[in-house]
Amino acid sequence: MDESDSDSMSKNDGLISQVRRLARTMHIAKRTEEAYVGWITRFLVYHRDLNGAWIHPLKLGSPEVNAFLSHLAVERKVAASTQNQALSALLFLFTKVLKVDVKFDAIRAKKPSKLPVVLSASEVARILECIQPRPKKLIGSLLYGCGLRLMEACRLRFKDIDFERKQIIIREAKGEKDRAVPLPQKLVGDLKHQMDLVEKLHRQDILVGAGWVWLPYALAVKYPQAGRELGWQYLFPAKNLSYDSHPREAAEGVEDEHVIDGDRMQLRRHHVNENSVQAAVKVAVERAGVLKKVSCHTFRHSFATHLLESGKDIRTIQHLLGHADVSTTMIYTHVSRLGASGVQSPLDLI
């Protein structure tokens, strides 16, 4: 590697650090941050000079951005959602980080019109019955019973469960929004059993010098002992303790003013890994003999569709799902019995 290559990589490492720092200042989700960094890196690699050195994006502009986005649509043949993610990342880079205006005039990937997969009530019951072990079955029940996204269920904490008001509070969901969803009364006993188990585990963790969980924003600094309180414990904790339960804090050498060095080394217990829940659901679908393409998100689609079929209005369902726009919720009108499956074919009348 020559000196110019080293200098270009060093400059762009600094740029990536700027992107990460601003993303965290704006409280952008970790996965969104990683997606942005990935697309920005691909963009810089795509526009390397003839010597293979990276070019600083200030020397690039609208033509280069549109060329990259068109390349994704025409040559890579990516889905519209993938191209939109790349566009959002570059928009963040130029307008938020570099403070430069760009005009987007790229060839757009065609967006397919797909309907969500929806399970019948009997299919849901068969799959839930097959999910093992018990905590993951409870997570699956919450996905369907409350319409939760997978990460919303995995990140639930003790204080989010309100048995008195029969509701669950979803904190810092998509778009940094909180919302309340109904607590299924069938799950009260299972939830209390899970909380008892976690409370015992928490006591054991404290005895070995652990018992900490990650806290959002600057709460760990403002309330130094809050991370060890029972109310903040995850309802579905990870199996093992970890010294780096929230790697975002130290990722890529980015300093976080809300994190002190000592806090990074606390022995913590993170929430259950979402991949293990997905794997458990996949196995359960096979055991239940359901041939539809089912994922954890299918439970959320089924929740919304079944509520619509039971007579709940679309605005109520929008609120429960946490959708910013009712048009997103309207997709369920096309898969419910109020749509095609609720119409009798004329062939059946002959």
Foldseek 3Di string as FASTA:
>chain_A
DDPQQVVLVVVVLVLLLLLLVVCVVVPPDPVLNVLLSVLVVVLQQVPADPVSHGDPCVVPAQVSLQVVLQCCCPVVVDEQVSSVSSVVSVCCSVCPRVVHDHDHDHDGHDHDDDFADADDPVLLVQLLVQFDDPVLSLLLCCCQVQLDDLVQSQQAAQLQDDPPVQWGWRQLDVVRDIAITGHPPVCPVVLVVLLVVVVVVLVVQVVVQAQFEDDPDLCCVVPVCVRNDRRNHGSAWAPDKDLQQPVSCCPSNRHDPSDDPVNSRGTYIYTYDSVVSQVSSVVSSVVSVPPDPDTSSNSSLNNLLVCVQVPDDLVVSCRSNVPPDSVVSCSSCCVHLVHDVVDDDVVVVD
